[in-house]
Amino acid sequence: MANSKSAEKRARQNKNRYELKHAQRSMVRTAVKNTNKSVEAKDSKSKDVMKEAQSVIDRMANKGVIHKNKAARIKSRLNSKVKSA
C-alpha cells in the first residue's frame, strides 16, 4: 500500500498505463493472429490484412508498447508467411 501522496499517484498512473498498454498489446496480437489465419486459409485478401497488421504494429512500436526491433521481427515473419502463401 502507498504511504505518501506521490506514491498513491504513482500507483494510479501505473494502473492506468497497465490497462492501456495491455489493450494495445492485445491489438497487436489480434492483428498477427488475423494475418496468420488469412494465410492459412489461403485467402486472397491476406495482403490487405497484412497491411492493417503492419499499421497496428508500427503504431504500437512508436508509442513504446512494443520494442521497435520486436515490431520489425514480427513484420518480417508475417511478410515471409504472406509471400510464401
Protein backbone atom coordinates (compact mmCIF):
# COMPACT_ATOMS: atom_id res chain seq x y z
CA MET A 1 0.00 0.00 0.00
CA ALA A 2 1.17 3.52 -0.77
CA ASN A 3 2.39 5.57 2.18
CA SER A 4 2.56 9.03 0.61
CA LYS A 5 0.59 11.21 -1.78
CA SER A 6 3.19 10.80 -4.51
CA ALA A 7 3.21 7.02 -4.08
CA GLU A 8 -0.59 6.95 -4.34
CA LYS A 9 -0.43 8.99 -7.55
CA ARG A 10 2.27 6.74 -8.97
CA ALA A 11 0.15 3.67 -8.18
CA ARG A 12 -2.82 5.23 -10.01
CA GLN A 13 -0.66 6.10 -13.01
CA ASN A 14 0.81 2.60 -13.17
CA LYS A 15 -2.66 1.04 -13.07
CA ASN A 16 -3.93 3.27 -15.88
CA ARG A 17 -0.85 2.71 -18.02
CA TYR A 18 -1.04 -1.04 -17.48
CA GLU A 19 -4.65 -1.16 -18.64
CA LEU A 20 -3.92 0.93 -21.72
CA LYS A 21 -0.79 -0.92 -22.76
CA HIS A 22 -2.44 -4.29 -22.08
CA ALA A 23 -5.23 -3.42 -24.52
CA GLN A 24 -2.74 -2.14 -27.09
CA ARG A 25 -0.61 -5.30 -26.87
CA SER A 26 -3.80 -7.29 -27.34
CA MET A 27 -4.49 -5.33 -30.55
CA VAL A 28 -1.07 -6.33 -31.87
CA ARG A 29 -1.64 -9.99 -31.03
CA THR A 30 -5.07 -9.95 -32.68
CA ALA A 31 -3.68 -8.36 -35.84
CA VAL A 32 -0.94 -11.00 -36.04
CA LYS A 33 -3.45 -13.78 -35.41
CA ASN A 34 -5.77 -12.47 -38.15
CA THR A 35 -2.90 -12.37 -40.62
CA ASN A 36 -1.86 -15.92 -39.77
CA LYS A 37 -5.45 -17.16 -40.15
CA SER A 38 -5.72 -15.42 -43.51
CA VAL A 39 -2.50 -17.04 -44.74
CA GLU A 40 -3.54 -20.50 -43.51
CA ALA A 41 -6.91 -20.16 -45.25
CA LYS A 42 -5.06 -19.10 -48.42
CA ASP A 43 -7.29 -16.05 -48.59
CA SER A 44 -6.78 -13.63 -51.46
CA LYS A 45 -7.07 -10.70 -49.05
CA SER A 46 -4.08 -11.73 -46.96
CA LYS A 47 -2.01 -8.80 -48.28
CA ASP A 48 -4.67 -6.34 -47.14
CA VAL A 49 -4.84 -7.99 -43.73
CA MET A 50 -1.04 -7.85 -43.58
CA LYS A 51 -1.11 -4.09 -44.31
CA GLU A 52 -3.54 -3.50 -41.46
CA ALA A 53 -1.39 -5.57 -39.13
CA GLN A 54 1.73 -3.63 -40.11
CA SER A 55 -0.07 -0.39 -39.38
CA VAL A 56 -1.09 -1.55 -35.90
CA ILE A 57 2.38 -2.92 -35.16
CA ASP A 58 4.09 0.31 -36.26
CA ARG A 59 1.73 2.47 -34.19
CA MET A 60 2.35 0.42 -31.06
CA ALA A 61 6.11 0.47 -31.64
CA ASN A 62 6.05 4.26 -31.94
CA LYS A 63 4.08 4.51 -28.70
CA GLY A 64 6.59 2.29 -26.93
CA VAL A 65 4.12 -0.52 -26.25
CA ILE A 66 6.42 -2.98 -28.01
CA HIS A 67 10.10 -2.55 -28.86
CA LYS A 68 10.94 -1.34 -32.36
CA ASN A 69 13.13 -4.37 -33.05
CA LYS A 70 10.35 -6.71 -31.95
CA ALA A 71 7.97 -4.89 -34.27
CA ALA A 72 10.40 -5.32 -37.15
CA ARG A 73 10.81 -9.01 -36.33
CA ILE A 74 7.05 -9.60 -36.23
CA LYS A 75 6.51 -7.76 -39.52
CA SER A 76 9.33 -9.67 -41.18
CA ARG A 77 7.90 -13.03 -40.13
CA LEU A 78 4.41 -12.08 -41.26
CA ASN A 79 5.72 -10.80 -44.57
CA SER A 80 7.57 -14.03 -45.28
CA LYS A 81 4.44 -16.06 -44.48
CA VAL A 82 2.31 -13.94 -46.80
CA LYS A 83 4.86 -14.20 -49.61
CA SER A 84 5.17 -17.97 -49.27
CA ALA A 85 1.38 -18.44 -49.45
